[in-house]
Amino acid sequence: MRLTKKKLILIHTFIWLFAICANLPFSGIVEGMPARQIVSYAIGFLYLMVVFYLFYLFITPLFLNRKQLAAFFAVSFLSVLVLPFFGYLLLYLSRALFDGTFTHFFSGYSVRTHLSGFYPVVTAALFGSFFRVIINWFETMNQKAESDSQRLGMELDLLKSKLNPHFLFNTLNNIDSLIRKNPDEASSALIRLSDIMRYLTYETRADTVPLHRETEYIRNLIELNRIRIKSPDDIRFSAEGNLDLMVSPAIFIPLIENAFKFASYRNGKPAIDIHLFSNGGIIRFEITNYCEPRSSADGTGHSGLGISNIRKRLDLSYPGKHNLEITDKGHLFSVSLTIDTNAD
């Protein structure tokens, strides 16, 4: 809960109204009571409010918030020691004004009288300090939550905006070669690359995009990869079901890039098989690719940066609402990802 200025004012108002209502039965105020006694009660209550805000606004923020505990307790002790005197000073001033004379102004004031003012002053000081600490705690928690939200947002934006630089360089080289061999195909490839860059630059700013737009991005990515493959038919992609669902943008791309990076086109057909299906708010994405068997010692397997990135994105975008299964059979690598896009 964010404590806005308006909410703080409402909290303070409620607290003082509650304090007034709670103390009225014990105040001794009854119908027909002399005005001077009512004024004395009001002065006493207002003075305790002054003590409360003295600690709430000044003493606690100045010392306790800065972890100057010794100074806080010293100043608090001196303040509580002196403040009853000023409270009684106001009460005697109101008495003198009602009596019309300042003769014997401090009549009745004694050490015992002074000490009797300690309890209400200490109570007001404690409540003021405690309330300040509570408010500071809420503000700190809010700032931490906002900071975490901004950090996660920036991290998510960074993960969404990542495009494999090797893919980009290879695509540009392939297009450069096509310009001389097949200008029309080169032009088509440039349009696809432009659409990919536009998608990553603008549309990934949103938290979600329509699944059909994500599907178009995947098709463009696949078609650009086909350029460098001798047997383009080695790649198979299908998308079925409700493609109007909203999904986090570029969420499947690390898996596709990972498949193209490690795919072997001589072990089986199709070398890369991608299937996407959605129904009832559930999206299921499956991708399989043949690959050269690798030893666990060489550290160059599929479980690299791409898999790490998608795990982070899934944890940020779909916490507790996704399931990622990875199967590595040495020559065949499979990933199955299920995402629940239904609202809680």
Protein backbone atom coordinates (compact mmCIF):
# COMPACT_ATOMS: atom_id res chain seq x y z
CA MET A 1 0.00 0.00 0.00
CA ARG A 2 1.43 3.34 -1.06
CA LEU A 3 1.06 5.99 1.67
CA THR A 4 0.16 9.13 -0.24
CA LYS A 5 -0.13 12.52 1.44
CA LYS A 6 -3.92 12.27 1.32
CA LYS A 7 -3.88 8.86 3.02
CA LEU A 8 -1.54 10.14 5.74
CA ILE A 9 -3.86 13.06 6.47
CA LEU A 10 -6.81 10.68 6.73
CA ILE A 11 -4.86 8.39 9.09
CA HIS A 12 -3.88 11.31 11.33
CA THR A 13 -7.45 12.63 11.34
CA PHE A 14 -8.84 9.23 12.28
CA ILE A 15 -6.29 8.78 15.08
CA TRP A 16 -7.12 12.13 16.71
CA LEU A 17 -10.87 11.67 16.35
CA PHE A 18 -10.49 8.26 17.97
CA ALA A 19 -8.36 9.76 20.78
CA ILE A 20 -10.96 12.47 21.46
CA CYS A 21 -13.86 9.99 21.51
CA ALA A 22 -11.92 7.55 23.71
CA ASN A 23 -10.98 10.22 26.25
CA LEU A 24 -14.29 12.09 26.45
CA PRO A 25 -15.87 9.66 28.96
CA PHE A 26 -12.89 10.16 31.29
CA SER A 27 -12.46 13.90 30.80
CA GLY A 28 -15.05 14.91 33.35
CA ILE A 29 -16.78 17.18 30.81
CA VAL A 30 -20.51 17.27 31.56
CA GLU A 31 -23.38 19.53 30.63
CA GLY A 32 -23.24 22.81 32.51
CA MET A 33 -19.53 22.62 33.23
CA PRO A 34 -17.84 26.05 33.44
CA ALA A 35 -16.20 27.23 30.24
CA ARG A 36 -12.80 27.61 31.92
CA GLN A 37 -12.66 23.88 32.67
CA ILE A 38 -13.61 22.99 29.10
CA VAL A 39 -10.92 25.38 27.83
CA SER A 40 -8.39 23.82 30.21
CA TYR A 41 -9.21 20.36 28.87
CA ALA A 42 -8.92 21.59 25.27
CA ILE A 43 -5.54 23.26 26.00
CA GLY A 44 -4.23 20.11 27.62
CA PHE A 45 -5.31 17.97 24.66
CA LEU A 46 -3.90 20.39 22.07
CA TYR A 47 -0.64 20.61 23.99
CA LEU A 48 -0.30 16.82 23.87
CA MET A 49 -0.85 17.04 20.11
CA VAL A 50 2.05 19.52 19.99
CA VAL A 51 4.25 17.06 21.90
CA PHE A 52 3.17 14.25 19.57
CA TYR A 53 4.13 16.21 16.43
CA LEU A 54 7.30 17.54 18.01
CA PHE A 55 8.54 13.96 18.18
CA TYR A 56 6.83 12.83 14.96
CA LEU A 57 8.09 15.66 12.74
CA PHE A 58 11.37 16.73 14.31
CA ILE A 59 13.05 14.72 17.07
CA THR A 60 12.55 11.22 15.64
CA PRO A 61 13.46 12.08 12.00
CA LEU A 62 16.42 14.19 13.16
CA PHE A 63 18.01 11.59 15.43
CA LEU A 64 16.38 8.16 15.38
CA ASN A 65 16.10 7.92 11.57
CA ARG A 66 19.80 8.70 11.35
CA LYS A 67 20.60 5.94 13.86
CA GLN A 68 21.83 8.48 16.44
CA LEU A 69 20.31 6.57 19.34
CA ALA A 70 22.32 8.21 22.12
CA ALA A 71 21.40 11.69 20.91
CA PHE A 72 17.76 10.65 20.45
CA PHE A 73 17.39 9.36 24.01
CA ALA A 74 19.26 12.35 25.47
CA VAL A 75 17.12 14.92 23.62
CA SER A 76 13.94 12.93 24.35
CA PHE A 77 14.75 12.79 28.08
CA LEU A 78 15.45 16.53 28.27
CA SER A 79 12.33 17.32 26.26
CA VAL A 80 10.08 15.19 28.46
CA LEU A 81 11.72 16.77 31.51
CA VAL A 82 10.94 20.32 30.38
CA LEU A 83 7.71 19.99 28.39
CA PRO A 84 5.33 19.58 31.38
CA PHE A 85 6.37 23.05 32.56
CA PHE A 86 5.23 24.67 29.30
CA GLY A 87 1.99 22.71 29.40
CA TYR A 88 1.17 24.00 32.86
CA LEU A 89 2.30 27.49 31.77
CA LEU A 90 -0.48 27.51 29.17
CA LEU A 91 -3.02 26.23 31.69
CA TYR A 92 -2.07 28.94 34.22
CA LEU A 93 -2.23 31.55 31.47
CA SER A 94 -5.81 30.54 30.62
CA ARG A 95 -6.67 30.59 34.35
CA ALA A 96 -5.23 34.10 34.70
CA LEU A 97 -7.20 35.32 31.68
CA PHE A 98 -10.44 33.95 33.11
CA ASP A 99 -9.67 35.44 36.55
CA GLY A 100 -8.64 38.74 35.04
CA THR A 101 -5.48 38.92 37.13
CA PHE A 102 -1.91 37.62 36.91
CA THR A 103 -1.41 37.87 40.66
CA HIS A 104 -0.08 34.62 42.09
CA PHE A 105 0.34 33.35 38.49
CA PHE A 106 2.20 30.20 39.51
CA SER A 107 0.07 29.56 42.58
CA GLY A 108 -0.29 25.82 43.13
CA TYR A 109 2.68 24.87 40.94
CA SER A 110 5.10 22.47 42.66
CA VAL A 111 7.49 19.63 41.91
CA ARG A 112 4.66 17.19 42.48
CA THR A 113 2.48 19.11 40.01
CA HIS A 114 5.32 19.11 37.49
CA LEU A 115 5.85 15.36 37.88
CA SER A 116 2.13 14.72 37.36
CA GLY A 117 2.55 16.04 33.81
CA PHE A 118 5.17 13.46 32.94
CA TYR A 119 2.81 10.57 32.15
CA PRO A 120 0.70 12.32 29.46
CA VAL A 121 3.80 13.96 27.94
CA VAL A 122 5.73 10.68 27.83
CA THR A 123 2.70 8.92 26.31
CA ALA A 124 2.37 11.54 23.56
CA ALA A 125 6.14 11.41 22.90
CA LEU A 126 6.14 7.61 22.66
CA PHE A 127 3.16 7.55 20.30
CA GLY A 128 4.71 10.27 18.13
CA SER A 129 8.02 8.41 17.88
CA PHE A 130 6.36 5.03 17.31
CA PHE A 131 4.06 6.40 14.63
CA ARG A 132 7.03 8.02 12.86
CA VAL A 133 8.91 4.71 12.87
CA ILE A 134 5.88 2.87 11.46
CA ILE A 135 5.39 5.45 8.70
CA ASN A 136 9.11 5.29 7.85
CA TRP A 137 8.88 1.50 7.65
CA PHE A 138 5.96 1.70 5.22
CA GLU A 139 7.77 4.28 3.10
CA THR A 140 10.92 2.14 3.04
CA MET A 141 8.91 -0.92 2.00
CA ASN A 142 7.17 1.10 -0.72
CA GLN A 143 10.47 2.45 -2.02
CA LYS A 144 11.96 -1.04 -2.00
CA ALA A 145 8.92 -2.42 -3.86
CA GLU A 146 9.11 0.37 -6.44
CA SER A 147 12.85 -0.14 -6.79
CA ASP A 148 12.39 -3.90 -7.25
CA SER A 149 9.60 -3.29 -9.76
CA GLN A 150 11.75 -0.88 -11.75
CA ARG A 151 14.72 -3.25 -11.60
CA LEU A 152 12.62 -6.19 -12.75
CA GLY A 153 11.06 -4.04 -15.47
CA MET A 154 14.46 -2.98 -16.75
CA GLU A 155 15.73 -6.55 -16.58
CA LEU A 156 12.66 -7.79 -18.44
CA ASP A 157 13.04 -5.08 -21.11
CA LEU A 158 16.69 -6.05 -21.51
CA LEU A 159 15.86 -9.72 -21.88
CA LYS A 160 13.07 -8.95 -24.38
CA SER A 161 15.28 -6.70 -26.49
CA LYS A 162 18.14 -9.16 -26.84
CA LEU A 163 18.71 -10.29 -30.43
CA ASN A 164 21.45 -12.79 -31.12
CA PRO A 165 24.18 -10.70 -32.81
CA HIS A 166 25.47 -13.75 -34.69
CA PHE A 167 22.04 -14.20 -36.26
CA LEU A 168 22.02 -10.55 -37.32
CA PHE A 169 25.52 -10.65 -38.82
CA ASN A 170 24.87 -13.96 -40.61
CA THR A 171 21.57 -12.68 -41.99
CA LEU A 172 23.18 -9.53 -43.36
CA ASN A 173 25.93 -11.60 -44.99
CA ASN A 174 23.35 -13.95 -46.50
CA ILE A 175 21.34 -11.02 -47.85
CA ASP A 176 24.50 -9.51 -49.30
CA SER A 177 25.11 -12.75 -51.20
CA LEU A 178 21.48 -12.88 -52.38
CA ILE A 179 21.60 -9.36 -53.80
CA ARG A 180 23.78 -10.63 -56.66
CA LYS A 181 22.14 -14.04 -57.08
CA ASN A 182 18.47 -13.32 -56.47
CA PRO A 183 17.57 -9.63 -55.92
CA ASP A 184 13.88 -10.41 -55.37
CA GLU A 185 14.62 -12.92 -52.61
CA ALA A 186 17.13 -10.48 -51.09
CA SER A 187 14.45 -7.78 -51.04
CA SER A 188 12.01 -10.16 -49.36
CA ALA A 189 14.65 -11.07 -46.76
CA LEU A 190 15.33 -7.40 -46.03
CA ILE A 191 11.62 -6.80 -45.48
CA ARG A 192 11.51 -9.74 -43.05
CA LEU A 193 14.57 -8.46 -41.20
CA SER A 194 13.03 -4.99 -41.05
CA ASP A 195 9.83 -6.45 -39.60
CA ILE A 196 11.84 -8.33 -36.96
CA MET A 197 13.75 -5.18 -35.95
CA ARG A 198 10.52 -3.17 -35.83
CA TYR A 199 8.90 -5.83 -33.66
CA LEU A 200 11.83 -5.92 -31.23
CA THR A 201 12.18 -2.13 -31.15
CA TYR A 202 8.56 -1.12 -30.69
CA GLU A 203 6.18 -3.98 -29.95
CA THR A 204 8.27 -5.62 -27.24
CA ARG A 205 7.79 -2.49 -25.14
CA ALA A 206 4.33 -3.80 -24.29
CA ASP A 207 3.89 -6.41 -21.58
CA THR A 208 1.95 -8.65 -23.97
CA VAL A 209 1.26 -8.94 -27.70
CA PRO A 210 -1.27 -11.01 -29.69
CA LEU A 211 -0.03 -14.55 -30.26
CA HIS A 212 -0.54 -14.21 -34.01
CA ARG A 213 1.95 -11.32 -34.02
CA GLU A 214 4.45 -13.46 -32.14
CA THR A 215 3.80 -16.21 -34.69
CA GLU A 216 4.59 -13.82 -37.55
CA TYR A 217 7.85 -12.94 -35.84
CA ILE A 218 8.72 -16.63 -35.52
CA ARG A 219 7.95 -17.24 -39.22
CA ASN A 220 10.17 -14.32 -40.24
CA LEU A 221 12.97 -15.64 -38.05
CA ILE A 222 12.64 -19.12 -39.55
CA GLU A 223 12.54 -17.85 -43.13
CA LEU A 224 15.71 -15.82 -42.63
CA ASN A 225 17.44 -18.90 -41.23
CA ARG A 226 16.32 -20.95 -44.23
CA ILE A 227 18.52 -18.80 -46.49
CA ARG A 228 21.73 -20.38 -45.18
CA ILE A 229 20.40 -23.96 -45.11
CA LYS A 230 20.91 -26.22 -48.15
CA SER A 231 17.66 -28.10 -47.50
CA PRO A 232 15.13 -25.53 -46.25
CA ASP A 233 12.57 -28.31 -45.88
CA ASP A 234 14.55 -29.53 -42.89
CA ILE A 235 12.69 -26.89 -40.88
CA ARG A 236 9.02 -27.44 -40.00
CA PHE A 237 6.76 -25.00 -38.17
CA SER A 238 3.05 -25.13 -37.38
CA ALA A 239 0.76 -22.92 -35.29
CA GLU A 240 -2.77 -23.96 -34.34
CA GLY A 241 -5.57 -22.90 -32.05
CA ASN A 242 -6.55 -19.48 -30.77
CA LEU A 243 -3.83 -17.11 -31.97
CA ASP A 244 -5.56 -14.07 -30.50
CA LEU A 245 -4.33 -14.85 -27.00
CA MET A 246 -2.00 -12.31 -25.44
CA VAL A 247 1.51 -13.46 -24.63
CA SER A 248 4.77 -11.91 -23.46
CA PRO A 249 6.63 -10.76 -26.61
CA ALA A 250 9.60 -12.74 -27.99
CA ILE A 251 9.16 -15.31 -25.22
CA PHE A 252 9.89 -18.31 -27.49
CA ILE A 253 12.79 -16.79 -29.44
CA PRO A 254 15.68 -18.01 -27.21
CA LEU A 255 14.48 -21.59 -27.72
CA ILE A 256 14.32 -21.16 -31.50
CA GLU A 257 17.73 -19.49 -31.66
CA ASN A 258 19.12 -22.28 -29.50
CA ALA A 259 17.73 -24.92 -31.88
CA PHE A 260 19.23 -23.26 -34.98
CA LYS A 261 22.57 -22.84 -33.22
CA PHE A 262 22.98 -26.56 -32.39
CA ALA A 263 20.88 -28.23 -35.10
CA SER A 264 22.43 -30.95 -37.24
CA TYR A 265 20.95 -31.41 -40.72
CA ARG A 266 22.34 -34.91 -41.36
CA ASN A 267 21.01 -36.93 -38.44
CA GLY A 268 17.26 -36.88 -39.09
CA LYS A 269 14.33 -35.20 -40.78
CA PRO A 270 13.10 -32.61 -40.06
CA ALA A 271 16.23 -31.23 -38.42
CA ILE A 272 14.12 -28.68 -36.53
CA ASP A 273 10.46 -29.26 -35.74
CA ILE A 274 8.47 -26.46 -34.07
CA HIS A 275 4.86 -26.72 -33.01
CA LEU A 276 2.74 -24.11 -31.25
CA PHE A 277 -0.78 -24.76 -30.00
CA SER A 278 -3.12 -22.65 -27.88
CA ASN A 279 -6.51 -23.33 -26.41
CA GLY A 280 -8.47 -22.14 -23.39
CA GLY A 281 -5.80 -19.65 -22.38
CA ILE A 282 -3.09 -22.34 -22.36
CA ILE A 283 -0.20 -22.07 -24.81
CA ARG A 284 1.95 -25.09 -25.53
CA PHE A 285 5.19 -24.63 -27.44
CA GLU A 286 7.27 -27.63 -28.48
CA ILE A 287 10.56 -27.60 -30.35
CA THR A 288 12.78 -30.53 -31.28
CA ASN A 289 16.08 -30.55 -33.12
CA TYR A 290 18.63 -33.16 -34.06
CA CYS A 291 22.13 -32.33 -32.95
CA GLU A 292 25.63 -33.72 -32.80
CA PRO A 293 26.20 -35.63 -29.56
CA ARG A 294 28.27 -33.59 -27.16
CA SER A 295 30.06 -34.60 -24.01
CA SER A 296 29.03 -32.92 -20.77
CA ALA A 297 32.65 -31.90 -20.27
CA ASP A 298 32.92 -29.60 -23.27
CA GLY A 299 30.31 -27.20 -21.79
CA THR A 300 28.96 -26.27 -25.24
CA GLY A 301 25.57 -27.92 -24.99
CA HIS A 302 22.08 -26.48 -25.32
CA SER A 303 21.83 -25.35 -21.69
CA GLY A 304 23.49 -22.01 -22.31
CA LEU A 305 22.57 -18.34 -22.24
CA GLY A 306 19.37 -18.83 -24.28
CA ILE A 307 17.88 -21.31 -21.81
CA SER A 308 19.03 -19.17 -18.88
CA ASN A 309 17.38 -16.07 -20.38
CA ILE A 310 14.05 -17.76 -20.98
CA ARG A 311 14.00 -19.15 -17.44
CA LYS A 312 14.47 -15.61 -16.12
CA ARG A 313 11.76 -14.23 -18.39
CA LEU A 314 9.31 -16.94 -17.44
CA ASP A 315 9.94 -16.34 -13.74
CA LEU A 316 9.33 -12.60 -14.25
CA SER A 317 6.36 -12.79 -16.64
CA TYR A 318 4.59 -16.00 -15.57
CA PRO A 319 5.60 -16.83 -11.97
CA GLY A 320 4.00 -20.11 -10.98
CA LYS A 321 2.09 -20.30 -14.27
CA HIS A 322 4.53 -22.03 -16.59
CA ASN A 323 6.21 -25.38 -17.03
CA LEU A 324 9.48 -25.81 -18.92
CA GLU A 325 10.62 -29.37 -19.70
CA ILE A 326 13.96 -30.06 -21.40
CA THR A 327 14.95 -33.49 -22.72
CA ASP A 328 18.45 -34.17 -24.00
CA LYS A 329 18.96 -37.59 -25.63
CA GLY A 330 22.38 -36.76 -26.99
CA HIS A 331 21.42 -36.68 -30.69
CA LEU A 332 17.91 -35.29 -30.11
CA PHE A 333 17.12 -32.22 -28.02
CA SER A 334 13.52 -31.39 -27.10
CA VAL A 335 11.90 -28.53 -25.20
CA SER A 336 8.28 -28.34 -24.14
CA LEU A 337 6.96 -25.09 -22.71
CA THR A 338 3.45 -24.64 -21.32
CA ILE A 339 2.18 -21.19 -20.34
CA ASP A 340 -1.07 -20.41 -18.56
CA THR A 341 -2.19 -16.94 -19.69
CA ASN A 342 -5.46 -17.02 -17.75
CA ALA A 343 -5.89 -14.35 -15.10
CA ASP A 344 -5.87 -15.54 -11.47
